[in-house]
Amino acid sequence: MRAQPKASHFIGGVYVEDDAGAAFHSHYPATGEVIAKLHSATPAIVERAMAAAADAQADWAARLPVERGRILQRAAQIMRDRNRDLSELETLDTGKPLQETLVADAASGADALEYFAGFAPTVTGQTIALGRDMAYTLREPLGVCAGIGAWNYPIQIAAWKAAPALAFGNALVFKPSEVTPLSALALAEILHEAGLPAGLFNVVQGAGDVGAALVGDSRVAKVSLTGSVPTGRKVYAQAAEGIRAVTMELGGKSPLIVFEDADLDNAVGAAMLGNFYSSGQICTNGTRVFVARSVLGPFLEKLAARTGRIVMGDPLDEATQMGPLVSAAQAERVMGYIARGIAEGARLVCGGNAPGGWFVEPTVFADVTDDMVIAREEIFGPVMSVLVFDDEDEVIARANATEYGLAAGVFTRDLTRAHRVVGRLQAGTCWINAYNLTPVEMPFGGVKASGVGRENGHAALEHYTRVKSVYLGMGDVDAPY
């Protein structure tokens, strides 16, 4: 097995195995080949990870922020030095083309570590003058955090959660998706090599039961989840029992609006990025593409021509632009949605086939209406729905008519209109004349059913620290007794 890790879990600075845990496999999605065998965390493994985190956190929080930052900086550099190896591992585990993983996965994880390494020493409290007396505030870490990852960007998600948690003095116990379990272990090893004290970043493997064990542990102060809306609802409810802080980045059915004055070549490129990158397995994808009626024809013509040139194949070949879905179950699910779109009367512009294995062709539907299943439900595959609109108020109302609110995009040369439209869209992350760019400097997250809280940027400080207020009396106590 060509990607077998040293052991299933990483706890207290070392790899740990427990054969008593249920065995599961990681597959290379391009061929179905088993590339690793792991074991799910038993209660003993979870306890060991939680105890290690709790034991290590107080000393870590007491260190100077600049010292914590130096360790994260070293880890970021190691990730960049090993970017190719990490990218190949991510491609083996996810099926995403190496062309993508070389620039978008471990590299963005390194960016997060570097950004929060520099951010940490700048965090200060506030002084408040109160006449004779004064008050001041302190920023304190929350304690032990639990992170639960998704399978589409495994190492990026692990780093996006680890970087602010560790920079601000917390410890993290992280559970990657059981579908893509490998790169979080590589990140743990790199952090330890960079000098992170043992116990501050622990990785435990398993499915929902392991995640539930983390969320329900009394030592956990905060939970950060990237996943589906149904999973989010369960995690949110369980965390509420312990009054735990929660951030959640969940699913979406995001609108991408193309006005009649848009640069159509750029709009088509963005629509393709927002539907076919990572084989469509991105939560922010603009899968509802609203196109002004007057430019619908040329938009579809350009879209079909460019989609037809997408190169599918072996993800380890850097010429490949699109790989398979992550699993047989996901490929079957996506093909089911394609069949449903055809049955409901949508017009298949291109794609729609499964050429073999876990591959699904990049697929475009036109003549899609708002009530069709493919326009309402998150497919999480390379399936684009193109809808037509006539005026601004109409398209905004239709764009907002969903339980989701993760992202949205607007293409127009009229920047006044662009800002006006973005101001009315119910989405946590919006792009104007761009799509799916998520630099670590920019807060990221959704509204409505797409989640709570924000990752990245200065906003992350609010979700990995708490404020302590201190009142300092400088005179006699004025008591009525």
Protein backbone atom coordinates (compact mmCIF):
# COMPACT_ATOMS: atom_id res chain seq x y z
CA MET A 1 0.00 0.00 0.00
CA ARG A 2 1.86 3.02 -1.32
CA ALA A 3 0.59 5.63 1.13
CA GLN A 4 0.50 3.62 4.36
CA PRO A 5 1.20 5.91 7.36
CA LYS A 6 3.36 4.84 10.29
CA ALA A 7 0.19 4.44 12.36
CA SER A 8 -3.42 5.58 12.33
CA HIS A 9 -3.22 8.32 14.97
CA PHE A 10 -0.77 11.00 16.11
CA ILE A 11 -0.98 11.76 19.84
CA GLY A 12 1.43 13.44 22.19
CA GLY A 13 4.07 13.89 19.51
CA VAL A 14 4.18 10.24 18.38
CA TYR A 15 2.34 7.91 16.05
CA VAL A 16 -0.08 5.62 17.87
CA GLU A 17 -1.90 2.48 16.75
CA ASP A 18 -4.75 0.54 18.33
CA ASP A 19 -5.77 -2.51 16.33
CA ALA A 20 -8.92 -2.81 18.45
CA GLY A 21 -10.43 0.04 16.44
CA ALA A 22 -12.51 -0.80 13.39
CA ALA A 23 -10.34 -1.08 10.27
CA PHE A 24 -11.01 1.08 7.22
CA HIS A 25 -9.22 1.84 3.97
CA SER A 26 -8.12 4.85 2.00
CA HIS A 27 -8.53 4.49 -1.77
CA TYR A 28 -6.92 6.17 -4.75
CA PRO A 29 -10.06 7.43 -6.48
CA ALA A 30 -8.62 7.19 -9.99
CA THR A 31 -8.32 3.41 -9.79
CA GLY A 32 -10.05 2.33 -6.59
CA GLU A 33 -6.72 0.95 -5.36
CA VAL A 34 -6.36 0.60 -1.58
CA ILE A 35 -3.45 2.85 -0.63
CA ALA A 36 -3.64 2.64 3.17
CA LYS A 37 -5.30 0.72 5.99
CA LEU A 38 -6.14 2.50 9.23
CA HIS A 39 -8.04 1.90 12.43
CA SER A 40 -10.75 4.05 13.93
CA ALA A 41 -10.06 5.60 17.31
CA THR A 42 -11.27 3.58 20.27
CA PRO A 43 -12.44 5.32 23.45
CA ALA A 44 -8.96 4.74 24.85
CA ILE A 45 -7.39 6.56 21.89
CA VAL A 46 -9.78 9.49 22.23
CA GLU A 47 -9.04 9.71 25.95
CA ARG A 48 -5.30 9.63 25.30
CA ALA A 49 -5.59 12.46 22.76
CA MET A 50 -7.79 14.61 24.98
CA ALA A 51 -5.54 14.09 27.99
CA ALA A 52 -2.44 14.98 25.96
CA ALA A 53 -4.07 18.18 24.73
CA ALA A 54 -5.28 19.21 28.17
CA ASP A 55 -1.87 18.54 29.74
CA ALA A 56 0.03 20.57 27.13
CA GLN A 57 -2.23 23.57 26.64
CA ALA A 58 -1.56 25.67 29.74
CA ASP A 59 2.20 25.78 29.24
CA TRP A 60 1.74 26.62 25.56
CA ALA A 61 -0.64 29.47 26.41
CA ALA A 62 1.93 30.90 28.82
CA ARG A 63 4.59 31.20 26.13
CA LEU A 64 5.23 34.48 24.40
CA PRO A 65 3.11 34.79 21.24
CA VAL A 66 6.24 35.47 19.18
CA GLU A 67 7.67 32.14 20.35
CA ARG A 68 4.54 30.32 19.26
CA GLY A 69 4.78 32.18 15.98
CA ARG A 70 8.35 31.05 15.31
CA ILE A 71 7.29 27.41 15.51
CA LEU A 72 4.41 27.95 13.10
CA GLN A 73 6.74 29.81 10.73
CA ARG A 74 9.13 26.86 10.71
CA ALA A 75 6.25 24.48 10.04
CA ALA A 76 5.09 26.65 7.13
CA GLN A 77 8.55 26.54 5.59
CA ILE A 78 8.77 22.76 5.97
CA MET A 79 5.40 22.44 4.22
CA ARG A 80 6.64 24.58 1.34
CA ASP A 81 9.88 22.59 1.10
CA ARG A 82 7.86 19.35 0.90
CA ASN A 83 5.01 20.71 -1.18
CA ARG A 84 5.39 18.16 -3.94
CA ASP A 85 5.38 15.16 -1.60
CA LEU A 86 2.38 16.56 0.28
CA SER A 87 0.60 17.31 -2.99
CA GLU A 88 1.14 13.81 -4.30
CA LEU A 89 -0.18 12.37 -1.04
CA GLU A 90 -3.25 14.61 -1.28
CA THR A 91 -3.83 13.56 -4.89
CA LEU A 92 -3.60 9.89 -3.96
CA ASP A 93 -6.09 10.36 -1.13
CA THR A 94 -8.60 12.69 -2.83
CA GLY A 95 -8.22 12.04 -6.56
CA LYS A 96 -7.75 15.76 -7.23
CA PRO A 97 -5.33 16.46 -10.07
CA LEU A 98 -1.73 17.13 -9.12
CA GLN A 99 -2.07 20.28 -11.23
CA GLU A 100 -4.44 21.51 -8.49
CA THR A 101 -2.89 20.14 -5.33
CA LEU A 102 0.53 21.60 -6.14
CA VAL A 103 -0.91 25.13 -5.83
CA ALA A 104 -4.10 24.92 -3.79
CA ASP A 105 -3.77 22.47 -0.90
CA ALA A 106 -0.61 22.21 1.21
CA ALA A 107 0.49 25.60 -0.13
CA SER A 108 -2.62 27.28 1.26
CA GLY A 109 -2.12 25.44 4.54
CA ALA A 110 1.37 26.87 4.75
CA ASP A 111 -0.05 30.33 4.06
CA ALA A 112 -2.39 29.94 7.04
CA LEU A 113 0.40 28.90 9.40
CA GLU A 114 2.54 31.83 8.24
CA TYR A 115 -0.28 34.36 8.51
CA PHE A 116 -1.30 33.43 12.04
CA ALA A 117 2.34 33.15 13.12
CA GLY A 118 2.66 36.84 12.32
CA PHE A 119 -0.75 37.74 13.70
CA ALA A 120 -0.25 36.21 17.16
CA PRO A 121 2.27 38.78 18.53
CA THR A 122 0.01 41.67 17.53
CA VAL A 123 -2.90 40.57 19.72
CA THR A 124 -3.38 42.95 22.63
CA GLY A 125 -6.10 43.99 25.03
CA GLN A 126 -7.74 47.36 25.59
CA THR A 127 -7.32 49.94 28.32
CA ILE A 128 -10.39 51.88 29.42
CA ALA A 129 -10.07 55.12 31.40
CA LEU A 130 -12.71 55.45 34.14
CA GLY A 131 -11.69 58.65 35.88
CA ARG A 132 -9.86 57.74 39.10
CA ASP A 133 -10.12 54.04 38.24
CA MET A 134 -9.48 52.11 35.05
CA ALA A 135 -10.28 48.83 33.35
CA TYR A 136 -8.41 46.69 30.90
CA THR A 137 -9.09 43.58 28.85
CA LEU A 138 -7.03 40.48 28.17
CA ARG A 139 -7.24 38.09 25.24
CA GLU A 140 -7.05 34.52 26.50
CA PRO A 141 -7.06 31.20 24.65
CA LEU A 142 -10.15 29.04 24.95
CA GLY A 143 -8.27 25.87 25.93
CA VAL A 144 -8.69 22.56 24.14
CA CYS A 145 -10.38 22.76 20.75
CA ALA A 146 -11.83 19.94 18.66
CA GLY A 147 -11.59 20.13 14.88
CA ILE A 148 -13.54 17.97 12.43
CA GLY A 149 -12.50 18.05 8.78
CA ALA A 150 -14.07 17.29 5.40
CA TRP A 151 -12.71 15.19 2.54
CA ASN A 152 -12.40 17.77 -0.22
CA TYR A 153 -9.46 19.83 1.12
CA PRO A 154 -8.00 17.68 3.91
CA ILE A 155 -4.65 19.33 4.64
CA GLN A 156 -5.92 22.84 3.97
CA ILE A 157 -8.82 22.39 6.39
CA ALA A 158 -6.53 20.90 9.05
CA ALA A 159 -4.14 23.83 8.71
CA TRP A 160 -6.92 26.43 8.63
CA LYS A 161 -8.09 25.14 12.02
CA ALA A 162 -4.68 24.43 13.52
CA ALA A 163 -3.07 27.77 12.62
CA PRO A 164 -5.32 30.15 14.62
CA ALA A 165 -5.91 27.63 17.39
CA LEU A 166 -2.20 27.14 18.03
CA ALA A 167 -1.15 30.73 17.35
CA PHE A 168 -3.48 32.02 20.04
CA GLY A 169 -2.45 29.47 22.67
CA ASN A 170 -4.93 26.62 22.32
CA ALA A 171 -4.46 22.89 21.83
CA LEU A 172 -6.29 21.03 19.04
CA VAL A 173 -7.53 17.48 18.64
CA PHE A 174 -8.33 17.01 14.96
CA LYS A 175 -10.38 14.30 13.25
CA PRO A 176 -10.01 14.20 9.47
CA SER A 177 -12.67 12.67 7.27
CA GLU A 178 -12.46 8.90 7.23
CA VAL A 179 -12.52 9.15 3.41
CA THR A 180 -9.28 11.18 3.28
CA PRO A 181 -7.36 10.42 6.49
CA LEU A 182 -3.73 10.73 5.44
CA SER A 183 -2.50 14.30 5.08
CA ALA A 184 -3.53 15.43 8.58
CA LEU A 185 -0.99 12.93 9.90
CA ALA A 186 1.67 14.48 7.67
CA LEU A 187 0.78 17.93 9.04
CA ALA A 188 1.04 16.65 12.62
CA GLU A 189 4.48 15.24 11.94
CA ILE A 190 5.63 18.53 10.38
CA LEU A 191 4.36 20.61 13.31
CA HIS A 192 6.18 18.33 15.73
CA GLU A 193 9.37 18.53 13.64
CA ALA A 194 9.09 22.32 13.68
CA GLY A 195 9.21 22.29 17.48
CA LEU A 196 5.56 22.21 18.51
CA PRO A 197 5.43 20.69 21.99
CA ALA A 198 3.89 17.25 22.24
CA GLY A 199 0.14 17.11 22.75
CA LEU A 200 -0.82 20.40 21.13
CA PHE A 201 -1.90 18.97 17.77
CA ASN A 202 -3.30 15.47 17.91
CA VAL A 203 -4.94 13.50 15.09
CA VAL A 204 -7.49 10.76 15.70
CA GLN A 205 -9.17 8.80 12.94
CA GLY A 206 -12.70 7.57 12.50
CA ALA A 207 -16.23 8.33 11.43
CA GLY A 208 -19.06 10.23 13.06
CA ASP A 209 -18.91 8.35 16.34
CA VAL A 210 -15.35 9.56 16.93
CA GLY A 211 -16.34 13.12 16.09
CA ALA A 212 -19.23 12.85 18.53
CA ALA A 213 -16.86 11.66 21.24
CA LEU A 214 -14.71 14.76 20.74
CA VAL A 215 -17.65 17.17 20.69
CA GLY A 216 -19.10 15.66 23.85
CA ASP A 217 -15.89 15.66 25.88
CA SER A 218 -16.09 18.01 28.86
CA ARG A 219 -12.51 19.21 28.28
CA VAL A 220 -13.40 20.68 24.88
CA ALA A 221 -14.01 24.42 24.95
CA LYS A 222 -14.63 24.92 21.25
CA VAL A 223 -15.62 22.87 18.19
CA SER A 224 -14.74 23.75 14.60
CA LEU A 225 -16.46 21.73 11.89
CA THR A 226 -16.22 21.69 8.11
CA GLY A 227 -18.90 19.41 6.70
CA SER A 228 -22.45 18.99 5.50
CA VAL A 229 -25.53 20.75 6.83
CA PRO A 230 -27.00 17.55 8.37
CA THR A 231 -23.72 16.90 10.19
CA GLY A 232 -23.59 20.53 11.26
CA ARG A 233 -27.02 20.35 12.83
CA LYS A 234 -25.99 17.31 14.88
CA VAL A 235 -22.70 18.85 16.00
CA TYR A 236 -24.34 22.17 16.86
CA ALA A 237 -26.97 20.45 19.01
CA GLN A 238 -24.41 18.30 20.80
CA ALA A 239 -22.07 21.23 21.44
CA ALA A 240 -24.98 23.23 22.85
CA GLU A 241 -25.39 20.64 25.60
CA GLY A 242 -21.98 21.63 26.94
CA ILE A 243 -22.34 25.35 26.12
CA ARG A 244 -19.30 25.05 23.84
CA ALA A 245 -18.23 27.65 21.30
CA VAL A 246 -18.79 26.51 17.73
CA THR A 247 -17.72 27.54 14.25
CA MET A 248 -19.12 25.64 11.31
CA GLU A 249 -18.48 25.91 7.59
CA LEU A 250 -21.19 23.87 5.93
CA GLY A 251 -22.70 23.37 2.48
CA GLY A 252 -23.96 25.74 -0.14
CA LYS A 253 -25.94 26.20 -3.34
CA SER A 254 -24.34 29.45 -4.30
CA PRO A 255 -25.53 31.83 -7.03
CA LEU A 256 -23.22 33.27 -9.66
CA ILE A 257 -24.92 36.18 -11.45
CA VAL A 258 -23.79 37.21 -14.95
CA PHE A 259 -25.21 40.56 -16.06
CA GLU A 260 -25.53 41.61 -19.69
CA ASP A 261 -22.47 43.88 -19.54
CA ALA A 262 -20.15 41.25 -18.06
CA ASP A 263 -16.91 40.19 -19.72
CA LEU A 264 -18.26 36.85 -20.92
CA ASP A 265 -14.88 35.15 -21.25
CA ASN A 266 -14.10 35.94 -17.61
CA ALA A 267 -17.61 35.00 -16.50
CA VAL A 268 -17.40 31.66 -18.30
CA GLY A 269 -13.99 31.00 -16.75
CA ALA A 270 -15.33 31.78 -13.29
CA ALA A 271 -18.37 29.57 -13.81
CA MET A 272 -16.08 26.70 -14.79
CA LEU A 273 -13.82 27.30 -11.78
CA GLY A 274 -16.93 27.48 -9.61
CA ASN A 275 -18.27 24.15 -10.86
CA PHE A 276 -15.48 21.92 -12.18
CA TYR A 277 -12.41 22.66 -10.05
CA SER A 278 -11.76 19.70 -7.72
CA SER A 279 -14.36 17.85 -9.81
CA GLY A 280 -17.00 20.15 -8.39
CA GLN A 281 -16.35 19.07 -4.80
CA ILE A 282 -16.12 22.56 -3.29
CA CYS A 283 -18.71 23.88 -0.86
CA THR A 284 -18.63 27.45 -2.21
CA ASN A 285 -19.23 26.43 -5.81
CA GLY A 286 -21.51 28.72 -7.82
CA THR A 287 -23.67 25.89 -9.03
CA ARG A 288 -26.64 28.15 -9.86
CA VAL A 289 -25.38 30.32 -12.70
CA PHE A 290 -27.90 33.07 -13.43
CA VAL A 291 -27.30 34.59 -16.88
CA ALA A 292 -29.00 37.67 -18.31
CA ARG A 293 -31.33 36.65 -21.13
CA SER A 294 -29.65 38.90 -23.71
CA VAL A 295 -26.28 37.11 -23.37
CA LEU A 296 -27.48 33.58 -22.63
CA GLY A 297 -26.76 32.28 -26.14
CA PRO A 298 -23.13 33.44 -26.41
CA PHE A 299 -22.50 32.48 -22.78
CA LEU A 300 -23.62 28.88 -23.37
CA GLU A 301 -21.71 28.68 -26.65
CA LYS A 302 -18.44 29.75 -25.03
CA LEU A 303 -19.11 27.55 -22.00
CA ALA A 304 -19.75 24.41 -24.04
CA ALA A 305 -16.66 24.95 -26.17
CA ARG A 306 -14.33 25.45 -23.22
CA THR A 307 -15.88 22.65 -21.16
CA GLY A 308 -15.34 20.25 -24.05
CA ARG A 309 -11.60 20.93 -23.89
CA ILE A 310 -11.19 19.93 -20.23
CA VAL A 311 -8.60 17.16 -19.93
CA MET A 312 -9.70 14.25 -17.74
CA GLY A 313 -7.39 11.43 -16.77
CA ASP A 314 -4.80 10.21 -14.28
CA PRO A 315 -4.65 12.81 -11.49
CA LEU A 316 -0.91 12.18 -11.03
CA ASP A 317 -0.30 13.41 -14.60
CA GLU A 318 0.22 17.16 -14.40
CA ALA A 319 -1.51 17.59 -17.77
CA THR A 320 -4.76 16.33 -16.24
CA GLN A 321 -7.21 19.14 -15.41
CA MET A 322 -10.01 17.10 -13.85
CA GLY A 323 -9.94 13.89 -11.89
CA PRO A 324 -12.51 11.48 -10.46
CA LEU A 325 -14.96 11.96 -7.63
CA VAL A 326 -13.61 11.03 -4.22
CA SER A 327 -15.52 7.74 -3.92
CA ALA A 328 -17.80 5.34 -5.72
CA ALA A 329 -20.68 6.48 -3.52
CA GLN A 330 -20.12 10.12 -4.45
CA ALA A 331 -19.90 9.32 -8.16
CA GLU A 332 -23.14 7.36 -7.95
CA ARG A 333 -24.80 10.23 -6.08
CA VAL A 334 -23.78 12.77 -8.71
CA MET A 335 -24.95 10.57 -11.58
CA GLY A 336 -28.28 10.27 -9.80
CA TYR A 337 -28.65 14.05 -9.82
CA ILE A 338 -27.79 14.19 -13.52
CA ALA A 339 -30.50 11.64 -14.25
CA ARG A 340 -32.92 13.66 -12.15
CA GLY A 341 -32.09 16.84 -14.06
CA ILE A 342 -32.81 15.16 -17.38
CA ALA A 343 -36.05 13.68 -16.05
CA GLU A 344 -37.22 17.09 -14.82
CA GLY A 345 -36.74 18.63 -18.25
CA ALA A 346 -33.45 20.47 -18.00
CA ARG A 347 -31.50 20.63 -21.28
CA LEU A 348 -28.18 18.82 -21.24
CA VAL A 349 -25.70 21.12 -22.95
CA CYS A 350 -22.64 18.92 -22.47
CA GLY A 351 -21.35 16.05 -20.36
CA GLY A 352 -23.69 13.90 -18.35
CA ASN A 353 -21.76 10.64 -18.65
CA ALA A 354 -19.63 8.48 -16.37
CA PRO A 355 -16.66 7.44 -18.53
CA GLY A 356 -15.57 4.78 -16.08
CA GLY A 357 -14.46 4.24 -12.51
CA TRP A 358 -15.36 7.16 -10.27
CA PHE A 359 -15.12 9.74 -13.07
CA VAL A 360 -18.04 11.97 -14.06
CA GLU A 361 -17.83 14.29 -17.05
CA PRO A 362 -18.11 18.05 -16.49
CA THR A 363 -21.82 18.60 -17.02
CA VAL A 364 -23.83 21.69 -17.94
CA PHE A 365 -27.62 21.98 -17.81
CA ALA A 366 -29.55 24.86 -19.38
CA ASP A 367 -33.27 25.70 -19.20
CA VAL A 368 -33.07 25.03 -15.47
CA THR A 369 -35.88 26.39 -13.31
CA ASP A 370 -35.72 27.29 -9.63
CA ASP A 371 -37.93 24.41 -8.55
CA MET A 372 -35.79 21.65 -10.09
CA VAL A 373 -33.88 19.43 -7.68
CA ILE A 374 -30.58 20.21 -9.40
CA ALA A 375 -31.18 23.90 -8.67
CA ARG A 376 -32.12 23.37 -5.02
CA GLU A 377 -29.90 20.64 -3.57
CA GLU A 378 -26.14 20.58 -3.13
CA ILE A 379 -24.78 18.02 -5.60
CA PHE A 380 -21.05 18.29 -4.77
CA GLY A 381 -19.95 17.21 -8.19
CA PRO A 382 -19.17 18.71 -11.62
CA VAL A 383 -22.76 19.70 -12.45
CA MET A 384 -23.63 23.29 -13.43
CA SER A 385 -27.18 24.61 -13.64
CA VAL A 386 -27.67 27.65 -15.90
CA LEU A 387 -30.76 29.74 -15.25
CA VAL A 388 -31.93 32.83 -17.15
CA PHE A 389 -33.08 36.14 -15.63
CA ASP A 390 -34.47 39.47 -16.85
CA ASP A 391 -33.85 42.11 -14.20
CA GLU A 392 -31.82 42.86 -11.08
CA ASP A 393 -34.56 42.66 -8.45
CA GLU A 394 -35.76 39.36 -9.85
CA VAL A 395 -32.37 37.68 -9.85
CA ILE A 396 -31.53 38.86 -6.33
CA ALA A 397 -34.80 37.45 -5.00
CA ARG A 398 -34.21 34.14 -6.74
CA ALA A 399 -30.56 33.98 -5.68
CA ASN A 400 -31.59 34.41 -2.04
CA ALA A 401 -34.42 31.86 -2.21
CA THR A 402 -32.44 29.03 -0.61
CA GLU A 403 -31.67 27.75 2.86
CA TYR A 404 -27.97 28.18 2.09
CA GLY A 405 -25.89 31.32 2.32
CA LEU A 406 -22.25 30.37 1.92
CA ALA A 407 -21.11 32.29 -1.15
CA ALA A 408 -22.17 34.31 -4.19
CA GLY A 409 -20.60 35.92 -7.24
CA VAL A 410 -21.45 38.86 -9.49
CA PHE A 411 -20.04 39.62 -12.95
CA THR A 412 -20.60 43.09 -14.35
CA ARG A 413 -18.55 46.04 -15.58
CA ASP A 414 -20.82 48.36 -13.57
CA LEU A 415 -19.13 48.42 -10.15
CA THR A 416 -21.90 50.54 -8.68
CA ARG A 417 -24.36 47.79 -9.53
CA ALA A 418 -21.92 45.13 -8.34
CA HIS A 419 -21.66 46.67 -4.86
CA ARG A 420 -25.41 47.25 -4.74
CA VAL A 421 -26.18 43.63 -5.61
CA VAL A 422 -23.59 42.19 -3.23
CA GLY A 423 -25.11 44.30 -0.47
CA ARG A 424 -28.44 42.54 -0.98
CA LEU A 425 -27.20 38.97 -1.42
CA GLN A 426 -27.58 36.70 1.61
CA ALA A 427 -24.13 35.13 1.58
CA GLY A 428 -21.15 35.23 3.90
CA THR A 429 -18.50 35.33 1.15
CA CYS A 430 -19.00 37.23 -2.10
CA TRP A 431 -16.89 37.82 -5.18
CA ILE A 432 -17.12 40.58 -7.78
CA ASN A 433 -15.66 39.67 -11.18
CA ALA A 434 -13.86 36.71 -9.58
CA TYR A 435 -14.84 33.42 -7.97
CA ASN A 436 -13.62 30.87 -5.40
CA LEU A 437 -10.58 32.86 -4.29
CA THR A 438 -10.11 32.42 -0.53
CA PRO A 439 -6.87 34.07 0.64
CA VAL A 440 -6.09 33.51 4.29
CA GLU A 441 -6.17 37.26 4.89
CA MET A 442 -9.93 37.34 4.13
CA PRO A 443 -12.55 36.05 6.61
CA PHE A 444 -14.44 33.06 5.25
CA GLY A 445 -17.79 31.60 6.26
CA GLY A 446 -21.50 31.51 5.63
CA VAL A 447 -24.90 32.59 6.87
CA LYS A 448 -28.24 30.80 7.22
CA ALA A 449 -27.80 27.01 7.01
CA SER A 450 -24.30 27.39 5.60
CA GLY A 451 -22.74 27.90 8.98
CA VAL A 452 -21.78 30.16 11.87
CA GLY A 453 -18.56 31.99 12.62
CA ARG A 454 -15.62 32.78 10.38
CA GLU A 455 -12.31 31.21 9.53
CA ASN A 456 -9.16 33.14 8.54
CA GLY A 457 -8.41 36.84 8.65
CA HIS A 458 -8.64 38.92 11.81
CA ALA A 459 -12.13 37.52 12.38
CA ALA A 460 -10.61 34.20 13.51
CA LEU A 461 -9.35 35.90 16.67
CA GLU A 462 -12.92 36.12 17.94
CA HIS A 463 -13.39 32.38 17.56
CA TYR A 464 -10.19 31.10 19.19
CA THR A 465 -9.87 33.52 22.11
CA ARG A 466 -12.10 35.03 24.78
CA VAL A 467 -12.03 38.45 26.43
CA LYS A 468 -11.37 38.83 30.13
CA SER A 469 -12.31 42.19 31.64
CA VAL A 470 -10.39 43.54 34.65
CA TYR A 471 -11.53 46.52 36.77
CA LEU A 472 -8.72 48.26 38.68
CA GLY A 473 -9.81 50.31 41.69
CA MET A 474 -7.38 53.10 42.59
CA GLY A 475 -9.05 54.51 45.70
CA ASP A 476 -11.21 53.66 48.68
CA VAL A 477 -14.23 51.40 48.22
CA ASP A 478 -17.44 53.41 48.23
CA ALA A 479 -19.75 51.07 50.16
CA PRO A 480 -23.16 52.07 51.62
CA TYR A 481 -22.72 49.76 54.62
